[in-house]
Amino acid sequence: MDETGAGETMMSLKVPTQLRDEIRAKAIKEGVTLRVIVLRALKAAGFDVDDAELSDRRPAHSGRRKGS
């Protein structure tokens, strides 16, 4: 659990393939995860998302290629 006691959970949902592809492309362009893109969108829609959750938490050596 985090400091608020909220913890985390998995959430799975179906979205149109084109939307998934757009989210994935944006994540690749920005060098972040799909999670970060979705959490940013939820925050912009008025949901309570802590700023600490809006950054990529993967280790730098995870194989992601920034800007690819």
PDB file of N, CA and C in Angstrom:
ATOM      1  N   MET A   1       0.827  -1.200   0.000  1.00  0.00           N
ATOM      2  CA  MET A   1       0.000   0.000   0.000  1.00  0.00           C
ATOM      3  C   MET A   1       0.863   1.252   0.000  1.00  0.00           C
ATOM      4  N   ASP A   2       0.320   2.322  -0.562  1.00  0.00           N
ATOM      5  CA  ASP A   2       1.038   3.587  -0.541  1.00  0.00           C
ATOM      6  C   ASP A   2       0.715   4.347   0.740  1.00  0.00           C
ATOM      7  N   GLU A   3       1.246   5.568   0.857  1.00  0.00           N
ATOM      8  CA  GLU A   3       1.069   6.335   2.090  1.00  0.00           C
ATOM      9  C   GLU A   3      -0.387   6.684   2.391  1.00  0.00           C
ATOM     10  N   THR A   4      -1.251   6.658   1.387  1.00  0.00           N
ATOM     11  CA  THR A   4      -2.662   6.961   1.633  1.00  0.00           C
ATOM     12  C   THR A   4      -3.444   5.717   2.024  1.00  0.00           C
ATOM     13  N   GLY A   5      -2.806   4.557   1.893  1.00  0.00           N
ATOM     14  CA  GLY A   5      -3.491   3.312   2.200  1.00  0.00           C
ATOM     15  C   GLY A   5      -4.336   2.807   1.050  1.00  0.00           C
ATOM     16  N   ALA A   6      -4.251   3.484  -0.095  1.00  0.00           N
ATOM     17  CA  ALA A   6      -5.098   3.127  -1.226  1.00  0.00           C
ATOM     18  C   ALA A   6      -4.607   1.891  -1.966  1.00  0.00           C
ATOM     19  N   GLY A   7      -3.301   1.690  -2.061  1.00  0.00           N
ATOM     20  CA  GLY A   7      -2.769   0.561  -2.798  1.00  0.00           C
ATOM     21  C   GLY A   7      -3.041   0.679  -4.282  1.00  0.00           C
ATOM     22  N   GLU A   8      -2.911  -0.430  -4.980  1.00  0.00           N
ATOM     23  CA  GLU A   8      -3.161  -0.467  -6.412  1.00  0.00           C
ATOM     24  C   GLU A   8      -3.920  -1.727  -6.752  1.00  0.00           C
ATOM     25  N   THR A   9      -4.595  -1.719  -7.876  1.00  0.00           N
ATOM     26  CA  THR A   9      -5.302  -2.883  -8.366  1.00  0.00           C
ATOM     27  C   THR A   9      -5.220  -2.909  -9.883  1.00  0.00           C
ATOM     28  N   MET A  10      -5.393  -4.075 -10.444  1.00  0.00           N
ATOM     29  CA  MET A  10      -5.409  -4.211 -11.898  1.00  0.00           C
ATOM     30  C   MET A  10      -6.803  -3.861 -12.401  1.00  0.00           C
ATOM     31  N   MET A  11      -6.865  -3.250 -13.592  1.00  0.00           N
ATOM     32  CA  MET A  11      -8.134  -2.949 -14.208  1.00  0.00           C
ATOM     33  C   MET A  11      -8.007  -3.269 -15.694  1.00  0.00           C
ATOM     34  N   SER A  12      -8.926  -4.040 -16.186  1.00  0.00           N
ATOM     35  CA  SER A  12      -8.898  -4.425 -17.589  1.00  0.00           C
ATOM     36  C   SER A  12     -10.180  -3.946 -18.252  1.00  0.00           C
ATOM     37  N   LEU A  13     -10.043  -3.347 -19.439  1.00  0.00           N
ATOM     38  CA  LEU A  13     -11.224  -2.897 -20.146  1.00  0.00           C
ATOM     39  C   LEU A  13     -10.990  -2.986 -21.634  1.00  0.00           C
ATOM     40  N   LYS A  14     -12.075  -3.097 -22.368  1.00  0.00           N
ATOM     41  CA  LYS A  14     -11.987  -3.136 -23.825  1.00  0.00           C
ATOM     42  C   LYS A  14     -12.192  -1.737 -24.370  1.00  0.00           C
ATOM     43  N   VAL A  15     -11.303  -1.371 -25.298  1.00  0.00           N
ATOM     44  CA  VAL A  15     -11.415  -0.094 -26.006  1.00  0.00           C
ATOM     45  C   VAL A  15     -11.268  -0.388 -27.498  1.00  0.00           C
ATOM     46  N   PRO A  16     -11.733   0.512 -28.349  1.00  0.00           N
ATOM     47  CA  PRO A  16     -11.541   0.295 -29.783  1.00  0.00           C
ATOM     48  C   PRO A  16     -10.050   0.151 -30.110  1.00  0.00           C
ATOM     49  N   THR A  17      -9.742  -0.732 -31.039  1.00  0.00           N
ATOM     50  CA  THR A  17      -8.350  -0.993 -31.415  1.00  0.00           C
ATOM     51  C   THR A  17      -7.634   0.281 -31.836  1.00  0.00           C
ATOM     52  N   GLN A  18      -8.320   1.130 -32.594  1.00  0.00           N
ATOM     53  CA  GLN A  18      -7.694   2.376 -33.047  1.00  0.00           C
ATOM     54  C   GLN A  18      -7.298   3.251 -31.862  1.00  0.00           C
ATOM     55  N   LEU A  19      -8.138   3.318 -30.836  1.00  0.00           N
ATOM     56  CA  LEU A  19      -7.822   4.108 -29.648  1.00  0.00           C
ATOM     57  C   LEU A  19      -6.625   3.520 -28.917  1.00  0.00           C
ATOM     58  N   ARG A  20      -6.601   2.207 -28.766  1.00  0.00           N
ATOM     59  CA  ARG A  20      -5.455   1.551 -28.123  1.00  0.00           C
ATOM     60  C   ARG A  20      -4.177   1.869 -28.872  1.00  0.00           C
ATOM     61  N   ASP A  21      -4.242   1.833 -30.207  1.00  0.00           N
ATOM     62  CA  ASP A  21      -3.061   2.124 -31.021  1.00  0.00           C
ATOM     63  C   ASP A  21      -2.612   3.574 -30.857  1.00  0.00           C
ATOM     64  N   GLU A  22      -3.569   4.490 -30.753  1.00  0.00           N
ATOM     65  CA  GLU A  22      -3.226   5.906 -30.548  1.00  0.00           C
ATOM     66  C   GLU A  22      -2.579   6.119 -29.178  1.00  0.00           C
ATOM     67  N   ILE A  23      -3.111   5.466 -28.164  1.00  0.00           N
ATOM     68  CA  ILE A  23      -2.542   5.577 -26.814  1.00  0.00           C
ATOM     69  C   ILE A  23      -1.127   5.007 -26.810  1.00  0.00           C
ATOM     70  N   ARG A  24      -0.963   3.867 -27.444  1.00  0.00           N
ATOM     71  CA  ARG A  24       0.356   3.228 -27.507  1.00  0.00           C
ATOM     72  C   ARG A  24       1.357   4.126 -28.236  1.00  0.00           C
ATOM     73  N   ALA A  25       0.940   4.714 -29.361  1.00  0.00           N
ATOM     74  CA  ALA A  25       1.836   5.589 -30.128  1.00  0.00           C
ATOM     75  C   ALA A  25       2.250   6.807 -29.303  1.00  0.00           C
ATOM     76  N   LYS A  26       1.299   7.379 -28.570  1.00  0.00           N
ATOM     77  CA  LYS A  26       1.613   8.541 -27.727  1.00  0.00           C
ATOM     78  C   LYS A  26       2.586   8.155 -26.623  1.00  0.00           C
ATOM     79  N   ALA A  27       2.377   6.990 -26.031  1.00  0.00           N
ATOM     80  CA  ALA A  27       3.265   6.514 -24.968  1.00  0.00           C
ATOM     81  C   ALA A  27       4.681   6.308 -25.502  1.00  0.00           C
ATOM     82  N   ILE A  28       4.792   5.716 -26.673  1.00  0.00           N
ATOM     83  CA  ILE A  28       6.114   5.504 -27.280  1.00  0.00           C
ATOM     84  C   ILE A  28       6.776   6.844 -27.580  1.00  0.00           C
ATOM     85  N   LYS A  29       6.022   7.757 -28.164  1.00  0.00           N
ATOM     86  CA  LYS A  29       6.561   9.081 -28.510  1.00  0.00           C
ATOM     87  C   LYS A  29       7.080   9.808 -27.275  1.00  0.00           C
ATOM     88  N   GLU A  30       6.346   9.688 -26.149  1.00  0.00           N
ATOM     89  CA  GLU A  30       6.724  10.393 -24.926  1.00  0.00           C
ATOM     90  C   GLU A  30       7.663   9.577 -24.040  1.00  0.00           C
ATOM     91  N   GLY A  31       7.908   8.319 -24.395  1.00  0.00           N
ATOM     92  CA  GLY A  31       8.809   7.478 -23.609  1.00  0.00           C
ATOM     93  C   GLY A  31       8.240   7.090 -22.257  1.00  0.00           C
ATOM     94  N   VAL A  32       6.915   6.923 -22.196  1.00  0.00           N
ATOM     95  CA  VAL A  32       6.264   6.537 -20.942  1.00  0.00           C
ATOM     96  C   VAL A  32       5.388   5.306 -21.182  1.00  0.00           C
ATOM     97  N   THR A  33       4.741   4.839 -20.135  1.00  0.00           N
ATOM     98  CA  THR A  33       3.882   3.665 -20.231  1.00  0.00           C
ATOM     99  C   THR A  33       2.453   4.051 -20.609  1.00  0.00           C
ATOM    100  N   LEU A  34       1.695   3.054 -21.040  1.00  0.00           N
ATOM    101  CA  LEU A  34       0.272   3.263 -21.284  1.00  0.00           C
ATOM    102  C   LEU A  34      -0.401   3.748 -20.004  1.00  0.00           C
ATOM    103  N   ARG A  35       0.013   3.202 -18.876  1.00  0.00           N
ATOM    104  CA  ARG A  35      -0.539   3.582 -17.567  1.00  0.00           C
ATOM    105  C   ARG A  35      -0.435   5.086 -17.346  1.00  0.00           C
ATOM    106  N   VAL A  36       0.731   5.650 -17.651  1.00  0.00           N
ATOM    107  CA  VAL A  36       0.949   7.083 -17.462  1.00  0.00           C
ATOM    108  C   VAL A  36       0.006   7.885 -18.355  1.00  0.00           C
ATOM    109  N   ILE A  37      -0.136   7.481 -19.606  1.00  0.00           N
ATOM    110  CA  ILE A  37      -1.025   8.193 -20.531  1.00  0.00           C
ATOM    111  C   ILE A  37      -2.463   8.163 -20.015  1.00  0.00           C
ATOM    112  N   VAL A  38      -2.924   6.995 -19.582  1.00  0.00           N
ATOM    113  CA  VAL A  38      -4.297   6.864 -19.087  1.00  0.00           C
ATOM    114  C   VAL A  38      -4.495   7.655 -17.798  1.00  0.00           C
ATOM    115  N   LEU A  39      -3.543   7.591 -16.867  1.00  0.00           N
ATOM    116  CA  LEU A  39      -3.683   8.347 -15.614  1.00  0.00           C
ATOM    117  C   LEU A  39      -3.691   9.856 -15.873  1.00  0.00           C
ATOM    118  N   ARG A  40      -2.884  10.318 -16.814  1.00  0.00           N
ATOM    119  CA  ARG A  40      -2.905  11.748 -17.170  1.00  0.00           C
ATOM    120  C   ARG A  40      -4.291  12.150 -17.684  1.00  0.00           C
ATOM    121  N   ALA A  41      -4.870  11.307 -18.535  1.00  0.00           N
ATOM    122  CA  ALA A  41      -6.192  11.599 -19.097  1.00  0.00           C
ATOM    123  C   ALA A  41      -7.254  11.605 -17.996  1.00  0.00           C
ATOM    124  N   LEU A  42      -7.158  10.674 -17.062  1.00  0.00           N
ATOM    125  CA  LEU A  42      -8.117  10.632 -15.955  1.00  0.00           C
ATOM    126  C   LEU A  42      -7.997  11.881 -15.087  1.00  0.00           C
ATOM    127  N   LYS A  43      -6.763  12.307 -14.838  1.00  0.00           N
ATOM    128  CA  LYS A  43      -6.560  13.527 -14.051  1.00  0.00           C
ATOM    129  C   LYS A  43      -7.155  14.727 -14.785  1.00  0.00           C
ATOM    130  N   ALA A  44      -6.924  14.821 -16.081  1.00  0.00           N
ATOM    131  CA  ALA A  44      -7.466  15.926 -16.873  1.00  0.00           C
ATOM    132  C   ALA A  44      -8.994  15.918 -16.881  1.00  0.00           C
ATOM    133  N   ALA A  45      -9.583  14.733 -16.691  1.00  0.00           N
ATOM    134  CA  ALA A  45     -11.042  14.607 -16.654  1.00  0.00           C
ATOM    135  C   ALA A  45     -11.609  14.896 -15.265  1.00  0.00           C
ATOM    136  N   GLY A  46     -10.728  15.227 -14.321  1.00  0.00           N
ATOM    137  CA  GLY A  46     -11.191  15.625 -13.001  1.00  0.00           C
ATOM    138  C   GLY A  46     -11.056  14.582 -11.907  1.00  0.00           C
ATOM    139  N   PHE A  47     -10.470  13.435 -12.236  1.00  0.00           N
ATOM    140  CA  PHE A  47     -10.276  12.412 -11.216  1.00  0.00           C
ATOM    141  C   PHE A  47      -9.072  12.760 -10.349  1.00  0.00           C
ATOM    142  N   ASP A  48      -9.090  12.297  -9.106  1.00  0.00           N
ATOM    143  CA  ASP A  48      -8.019  12.569  -8.143  1.00  0.00           C
ATOM    144  C   ASP A  48      -6.851  11.617  -8.392  1.00  0.00           C
ATOM    145  N   VAL A  49      -5.859  12.103  -9.131  1.00  0.00           N
ATOM    146  CA  VAL A  49      -4.666  11.311  -9.430  1.00  0.00           C
ATOM    147  C   VAL A  49      -3.468  12.073  -8.887  1.00  0.00           C
ATOM    148  N   ASP A  50      -2.727  11.442  -7.993  1.00  0.00           N
ATOM    149  CA  ASP A  50      -1.544  12.063  -7.399  1.00  0.00           C
ATOM    150  C   ASP A  50      -0.488  12.284  -8.481  1.00  0.00           C
ATOM    151  N   ASP A  51       0.152  13.445  -8.471  1.00  0.00           N
ATOM    152  CA  ASP A  51       1.183  13.759  -9.463  1.00  0.00           C
ATOM    153  C   ASP A  51       2.303  12.720  -9.485  1.00  0.00           C
ATOM    154  N   ALA A  52       2.590  12.095  -8.351  1.00  0.00           N
ATOM    155  CA  ALA A  52       3.640  11.080  -8.286  1.00  0.00           C
ATOM    156  C   ALA A  52       3.308   9.874  -9.165  1.00  0.00           C
ATOM    157  N   GLU A  53       2.041   9.679  -9.466  1.00  0.00           N
ATOM    158  CA  GLU A  53       1.624   8.551 -10.307  1.00  0.00           C
ATOM    159  C   GLU A  53       1.766   8.859 -11.795  1.00  0.00           C
ATOM    160  N   LEU A  54       2.106  10.089 -12.127  1.00  0.00           N
ATOM    161  CA  LEU A  54       2.129  10.514 -13.525  1.00  0.00           C
ATOM    162  C   LEU A  54       3.501  10.417 -14.174  1.00  0.00           C
ATOM    163  N   SER A  55       4.395   9.670 -13.564  1.00  0.00           N
ATOM    164  CA  SER A  55       5.711   9.467 -14.162  1.00  0.00           C
ATOM    165  C   SER A  55       5.956   7.973 -14.337  1.00  0.00           C
ATOM    166  N   ASP A  56       6.828   7.663 -15.260  1.00  0.00           N
ATOM    167  CA  ASP A  56       7.160   6.277 -15.573  1.00  0.00           C
ATOM    168  C   ASP A  56       7.974   5.694 -14.418  1.00  0.00           C
ATOM    169  N   ARG A  57       7.500   4.589 -13.856  1.00  0.00           N
ATOM    170  CA  ARG A  57       8.173   3.975 -12.714  1.00  0.00           C
ATOM    171  C   ARG A  57       9.086   2.823 -13.113  1.00  0.00           C
ATOM    172  N   ARG A  58       9.192   2.564 -14.419  1.00  0.00           N
ATOM    173  CA  ARG A  58      10.054   1.467 -14.857  1.00  0.00           C
ATOM    174  C   ARG A  58      11.516   1.849 -14.664  1.00  0.00           C
ATOM    175  N   PRO A  59      12.359   0.852 -14.379  1.00  0.00           N
ATOM    176  CA  PRO A  59      13.798   1.134 -14.287  1.00  0.00           C
ATOM    177  C   PRO A  59      14.326   1.622 -15.630  1.00  0.00           C
ATOM    178  N   ALA A  60      15.343   2.436 -15.617  1.00  0.00           N
ATOM    179  CA  ALA A  60      15.900   3.014 -16.835  1.00  0.00           C
ATOM    180  C   ALA A  60      16.394   1.936 -17.804  1.00  0.00           C
ATOM    181  N   HIS A  61      16.751   0.788 -17.315  1.00  0.00           N
ATOM    182  CA  HIS A  61      17.302  -0.277 -18.162  1.00  0.00           C
ATOM    183  C   HIS A  61      16.226  -1.243 -18.655  1.00  0.00           C
ATOM    184  N   SER A  62      14.965  -0.837 -18.613  1.00  0.00           N
ATOM    185  CA  SER A  62      13.853  -1.739 -18.956  1.00  0.00           C
ATOM    186  C   SER A  62      13.747  -2.026 -20.447  1.00  0.00           C
ATOM    187  N   GLY A  63      14.551  -1.374 -21.254  1.00  0.00           N
ATOM    188  CA  GLY A  63      14.517  -1.637 -22.689  1.00  0.00           C
ATOM    189  C   GLY A  63      13.663  -0.646 -23.465  1.00  0.00           C
ATOM    190  N   ARG A  64      13.022   0.293 -22.773  1.00  0.00           N
ATOM    191  CA  ARG A  64      12.222   1.275 -23.514  1.00  0.00           C
ATOM    192  C   ARG A  64      13.148   2.198 -24.277  1.00  0.00           C
ATOM    193  N   ARG A  65      12.663   2.648 -25.381  1.00  0.00           N
ATOM    194  CA  ARG A  65      13.461   3.534 -26.235  1.00  0.00           C
ATOM    195  C   ARG A  65      12.763   4.868 -26.308  1.00  0.00           C
ATOM    196  N   LYS A  66      13.295   5.840 -25.626  1.00  0.00           N
ATOM    197  CA  LYS A  66      12.697   7.165 -25.620  1.00  0.00           C
ATOM    198  C   LYS A  66      12.783   7.778 -27.009  1.00  0.00           C
ATOM    199  N   GLY A  67      11.630   8.277 -27.448  1.00  0.00           N
ATOM    200  CA  GLY A  67      11.581   8.954 -28.725  1.00  0.00           C
ATOM    201  C   GLY A  67      11.526   8.044 -29.933  1.00  0.00           C
ATOM    202  N   SER A  68      11.329   6.716 -29.726  1.00  0.00           N
ATOM    203  CA  SER A  68      11.242   5.840 -30.899  1.00  0.00           C
ATOM    204  C   SER A  68       9.856   5.743 -31.418  1.00  0.00           C
TER     205      SER A  68
END
